[in-house]
Amino acid sequence: MIAAGAVLLLAAYFLHTSTKPLTLSDGRRFDVLQYDRNTLALYDPKTGQWDREQRLLVKYYSNSRDRDSMLVEARALAPALFRIADSLGLRVLFLEPAKPLFLRSYPLLIITWHVRFVHDSSGVWEEQP
């Protein structure tokens, strides 16, 4: 019995997902799982060419529960992050609103959706599929 409890506590410790709070000037608050300036390697099998995409990736726990509301929330959050991406010299912002399968503290699995914005040559950020 004690061994089973110890195993359960140990599993909970290793499955814990830590977050960092993000509070916007308008008062909205999000728990950020990951923010990263990363590079995505893209391979085109038709041409055999490799390309790279540098982007600002922000994965956070959404305050919404259903997919459509989470995507609307990400689209509303994006303008607050455009300035950060601009300051890093990045032309792509990749948002991943997420929800845990169970609890935020011990999610076991995190379900995410993706919203991608690209900074075009005219200086406008636009959502792309």
C-alpha atoms as a PDB file:
ATOM      1  CA  MET A   1       0.000   0.000   0.000  1.00  0.00           C
ATOM      2  CA  ILE A   2       2.781   2.430   0.935  1.00  0.00           C
ATOM      3  CA  ALA A   3       4.745   1.444  -2.178  1.00  0.00           C
ATOM      4  CA  ALA A   4       1.712   2.116  -4.394  1.00  0.00           C
ATOM      5  CA  GLY A   5       1.290   5.544  -2.817  1.00  0.00           C
ATOM      6  CA  ALA A   6       4.981   6.321  -3.351  1.00  0.00           C
ATOM      7  CA  VAL A   7       4.735   5.281  -6.997  1.00  0.00           C
ATOM      8  CA  LEU A   8       1.673   7.481  -7.446  1.00  0.00           C
ATOM      9  CA  LEU A   9       3.413  10.492  -5.888  1.00  0.00           C
ATOM     10  CA  LEU A  10       6.508   9.910  -7.996  1.00  0.00           C
ATOM     11  CA  ALA A  11       4.430   9.652 -11.169  1.00  0.00           C
ATOM     12  CA  ALA A  12       2.590  12.862 -10.266  1.00  0.00           C
ATOM     13  CA  TYR A  13       5.908  14.644  -9.729  1.00  0.00           C
ATOM     14  CA  PHE A  14       7.238  13.634 -13.149  1.00  0.00           C
ATOM     15  CA  LEU A  15       3.974  14.382 -14.958  1.00  0.00           C
ATOM     16  CA  HIS A  16       3.615  17.868 -13.477  1.00  0.00           C
ATOM     17  CA  THR A  17       3.700  20.570 -16.149  1.00  0.00           C
ATOM     18  CA  SER A  18       4.916  23.951 -14.964  1.00  0.00           C
ATOM     19  CA  THR A  19       3.705  27.200 -16.483  1.00  0.00           C
ATOM     20  CA  LYS A  20       4.698  30.856 -16.455  1.00  0.00           C
ATOM     21  CA  PRO A  21       2.016  33.532 -16.021  1.00  0.00           C
ATOM     22  CA  LEU A  22       1.485  36.066 -18.800  1.00  0.00           C
ATOM     23  CA  THR A  23      -0.654  39.074 -17.913  1.00  0.00           C
ATOM     24  CA  LEU A  24      -1.482  41.552 -20.664  1.00  0.00           C
ATOM     25  CA  SER A  25      -1.969  45.264 -20.116  1.00  0.00           C
ATOM     26  CA  ASP A  26      -5.747  44.846 -20.580  1.00  0.00           C
ATOM     27  CA  GLY A  27      -5.858  42.379 -17.658  1.00  0.00           C
ATOM     28  CA  ARG A  28      -6.125  39.115 -19.606  1.00  0.00           C
ATOM     29  CA  ARG A  29      -4.049  36.365 -17.999  1.00  0.00           C
ATOM     30  CA  PHE A  30      -2.678  33.177 -19.525  1.00  0.00           C
ATOM     31  CA  ASP A  31      -0.562  30.306 -18.221  1.00  0.00           C
ATOM     32  CA  VAL A  32       2.246  29.854 -20.756  1.00  0.00           C
ATOM     33  CA  LEU A  33       3.537  26.312 -21.262  1.00  0.00           C
ATOM     34  CA  GLN A  34       6.236  27.187 -23.786  1.00  0.00           C
ATOM     35  CA  TYR A  35       7.537  30.268 -25.515  1.00  0.00           C
ATOM     36  CA  ASP A  36      10.419  29.881 -27.841  1.00  0.00           C
ATOM     37  CA  ARG A  37      12.215  31.433 -30.755  1.00  0.00           C
ATOM     38  CA  ASN A  38      12.579  28.293 -32.818  1.00  0.00           C
ATOM     39  CA  THR A  39      13.497  27.152 -36.282  1.00  0.00           C
ATOM     40  CA  LEU A  40      11.349  24.749 -38.240  1.00  0.00           C
ATOM     41  CA  ALA A  41      13.086  22.754 -40.987  1.00  0.00           C
ATOM     42  CA  LEU A  42      10.855  22.269 -44.011  1.00  0.00           C
ATOM     43  CA  TYR A  43      11.542  19.685 -46.720  1.00  0.00           C
ATOM     44  CA  ASP A  44       9.888  19.813 -50.143  1.00  0.00           C
ATOM     45  CA  PRO A  45       9.868  16.269 -51.561  1.00  0.00           C
ATOM     46  CA  LYS A  46       9.005  17.543 -55.043  1.00  0.00           C
ATOM     47  CA  THR A  47      12.145  19.660 -55.344  1.00  0.00           C
ATOM     48  CA  GLY A  48      14.336  17.911 -52.783  1.00  0.00           C
ATOM     49  CA  GLN A  49      15.059  21.323 -51.223  1.00  0.00           C
ATOM     50  CA  TRP A  50      15.232  22.232 -47.559  1.00  0.00           C
ATOM     51  CA  ASP A  51      13.982  25.530 -46.207  1.00  0.00           C
ATOM     52  CA  ARG A  52      13.921  27.004 -42.717  1.00  0.00           C
ATOM     53  CA  GLU A  53      11.276  29.038 -40.957  1.00  0.00           C
ATOM     54  CA  GLN A  54      12.207  31.009 -37.862  1.00  0.00           C
ATOM     55  CA  ARG A  55       9.219  31.797 -35.699  1.00  0.00           C
ATOM     56  CA  LEU A  56       8.017  32.833 -32.279  1.00  0.00           C
ATOM     57  CA  LEU A  57       6.172  29.876 -30.777  1.00  0.00           C
ATOM     58  CA  VAL A  58       3.792  30.472 -27.858  1.00  0.00           C
ATOM     59  CA  LYS A  59       1.944  27.503 -26.357  1.00  0.00           C
ATOM     60  CA  TYR A  60      -0.416  28.409 -23.530  1.00  0.00           C
ATOM     61  CA  TYR A  61      -3.377  27.076 -21.598  1.00  0.00           C
ATOM     62  CA  SER A  62      -6.493  28.574 -23.099  1.00  0.00           C
ATOM     63  CA  ASN A  63      -9.172  30.109 -20.928  1.00  0.00           C
ATOM     64  CA  SER A  64     -11.737  28.571 -23.297  1.00  0.00           C
ATOM     65  CA  ARG A  65     -12.702  24.900 -23.451  1.00  0.00           C
ATOM     66  CA  ASP A  66     -13.965  24.226 -26.983  1.00  0.00           C
ATOM     67  CA  ARG A  67     -11.834  24.358 -30.138  1.00  0.00           C
ATOM     68  CA  ASP A  68     -13.573  27.261 -31.882  1.00  0.00           C
ATOM     69  CA  SER A  69     -13.473  29.493 -28.801  1.00  0.00           C
ATOM     70  CA  MET A  70      -9.801  28.630 -28.284  1.00  0.00           C
ATOM     71  CA  LEU A  71      -8.972  29.697 -31.848  1.00  0.00           C
ATOM     72  CA  VAL A  72     -10.923  32.961 -31.426  1.00  0.00           C
ATOM     73  CA  GLU A  73      -8.998  33.586 -28.196  1.00  0.00           C
ATOM     74  CA  ALA A  74      -5.648  32.961 -29.956  1.00  0.00           C
ATOM     75  CA  ARG A  75      -6.577  35.390 -32.738  1.00  0.00           C
ATOM     76  CA  ALA A  76      -7.408  38.026 -30.115  1.00  0.00           C
ATOM     77  CA  LEU A  77      -4.129  37.368 -28.270  1.00  0.00           C
ATOM     78  CA  ALA A  78      -1.939  37.586 -31.379  1.00  0.00           C
ATOM     79  CA  PRO A  79      -1.778  41.408 -31.736  1.00  0.00           C
ATOM     80  CA  ALA A  80      -0.272  41.649 -28.238  1.00  0.00           C
ATOM     81  CA  LEU A  81       2.549  39.343 -29.381  1.00  0.00           C
ATOM     82  CA  PHE A  82       3.243  40.871 -32.814  1.00  0.00           C
ATOM     83  CA  ARG A  83       5.483  43.531 -31.259  1.00  0.00           C
ATOM     84  CA  ILE A  84       7.578  40.868 -29.523  1.00  0.00           C
ATOM     85  CA  ALA A  85       8.020  38.910 -32.754  1.00  0.00           C
ATOM     86  CA  ASP A  86       8.935  42.151 -34.548  1.00  0.00           C
ATOM     87  CA  SER A  87      11.539  43.024 -31.909  1.00  0.00           C
ATOM     88  CA  LEU A  88      13.139  39.587 -32.392  1.00  0.00           C
ATOM     89  CA  GLY A  89      13.212  40.070 -36.156  1.00  0.00           C
ATOM     90  CA  LEU A  90      10.790  37.189 -36.732  1.00  0.00           C
ATOM     91  CA  ARG A  91       8.210  37.126 -39.487  1.00  0.00           C
ATOM     92  CA  VAL A  92       6.130  34.214 -38.161  1.00  0.00           C
ATOM     93  CA  LEU A  93       4.087  33.962 -34.960  1.00  0.00           C
ATOM     94  CA  PHE A  94       2.824  30.472 -34.128  1.00  0.00           C
ATOM     95  CA  LEU A  95       0.227  30.280 -31.344  1.00  0.00           C
ATOM     96  CA  GLU A  96      -0.865  27.019 -29.768  1.00  0.00           C
ATOM     97  CA  PRO A  97      -3.861  27.389 -27.457  1.00  0.00           C
ATOM     98  CA  ALA A  98      -3.996  24.242 -25.348  1.00  0.00           C
ATOM     99  CA  LYS A  99      -6.153  22.377 -22.895  1.00  0.00           C
ATOM    100  CA  PRO A 100      -5.202  19.508 -20.622  1.00  0.00           C
ATOM    101  CA  LEU A 101      -6.776  16.103 -20.952  1.00  0.00           C
ATOM    102  CA  PHE A 102      -7.319  16.058 -17.168  1.00  0.00           C
ATOM    103  CA  LEU A 103      -5.996  18.753 -14.803  1.00  0.00           C
ATOM    104  CA  ARG A 104      -3.627  21.607 -15.608  1.00  0.00           C
ATOM    105  CA  SER A 105      -1.264  20.515 -12.842  1.00  0.00           C
ATOM    106  CA  TYR A 106      -1.067  16.931 -14.088  1.00  0.00           C
ATOM    107  CA  PRO A 107      -2.473  16.912 -17.610  1.00  0.00           C
ATOM    108  CA  LEU A 108      -1.076  13.537 -18.823  1.00  0.00           C
ATOM    109  CA  LEU A 109      -1.818  14.872 -22.308  1.00  0.00           C
ATOM    110  CA  ILE A 110      -2.093  18.413 -23.659  1.00  0.00           C
ATOM    111  CA  ILE A 111      -4.361  18.994 -26.632  1.00  0.00           C
ATOM    112  CA  THR A 112      -3.370  21.944 -28.827  1.00  0.00           C
ATOM    113  CA  TRP A 113      -4.588  23.750 -31.915  1.00  0.00           C
ATOM    114  CA  HIS A 114      -2.493  25.970 -34.139  1.00  0.00           C
ATOM    115  CA  VAL A 115      -2.878  29.528 -35.364  1.00  0.00           C
ATOM    116  CA  ARG A 116      -0.126  30.874 -37.636  1.00  0.00           C
ATOM    117  CA  PHE A 117       0.477  34.536 -38.473  1.00  0.00           C
ATOM    118  CA  VAL A 118       2.957  35.827 -41.046  1.00  0.00           C
ATOM    119  CA  HIS A 119       4.396  39.321 -41.285  1.00  0.00           C
ATOM    120  CA  ASP A 120       4.245  40.220 -44.985  1.00  0.00           C
ATOM    121  CA  SER A 121       6.522  42.584 -46.886  1.00  0.00           C
ATOM    122  CA  SER A 122       4.104  45.494 -46.426  1.00  0.00           C
ATOM    123  CA  GLY A 123       4.381  45.215 -42.628  1.00  0.00           C
ATOM    124  CA  VAL A 124       0.983  43.649 -41.985  1.00  0.00           C
ATOM    125  CA  TRP A 125       0.476  40.519 -39.883  1.00  0.00           C
ATOM    126  CA  GLU A 126      -1.958  38.073 -41.474  1.00  0.00           C
ATOM    127  CA  GLU A 127      -3.259  34.704 -40.420  1.00  0.00           C
ATOM    128  CA  GLN A 128      -2.246  31.822 -42.657  1.00  0.00           C
ATOM    129  CA  PRO A 129      -3.437  28.220 -42.654  1.00  0.00           C
END
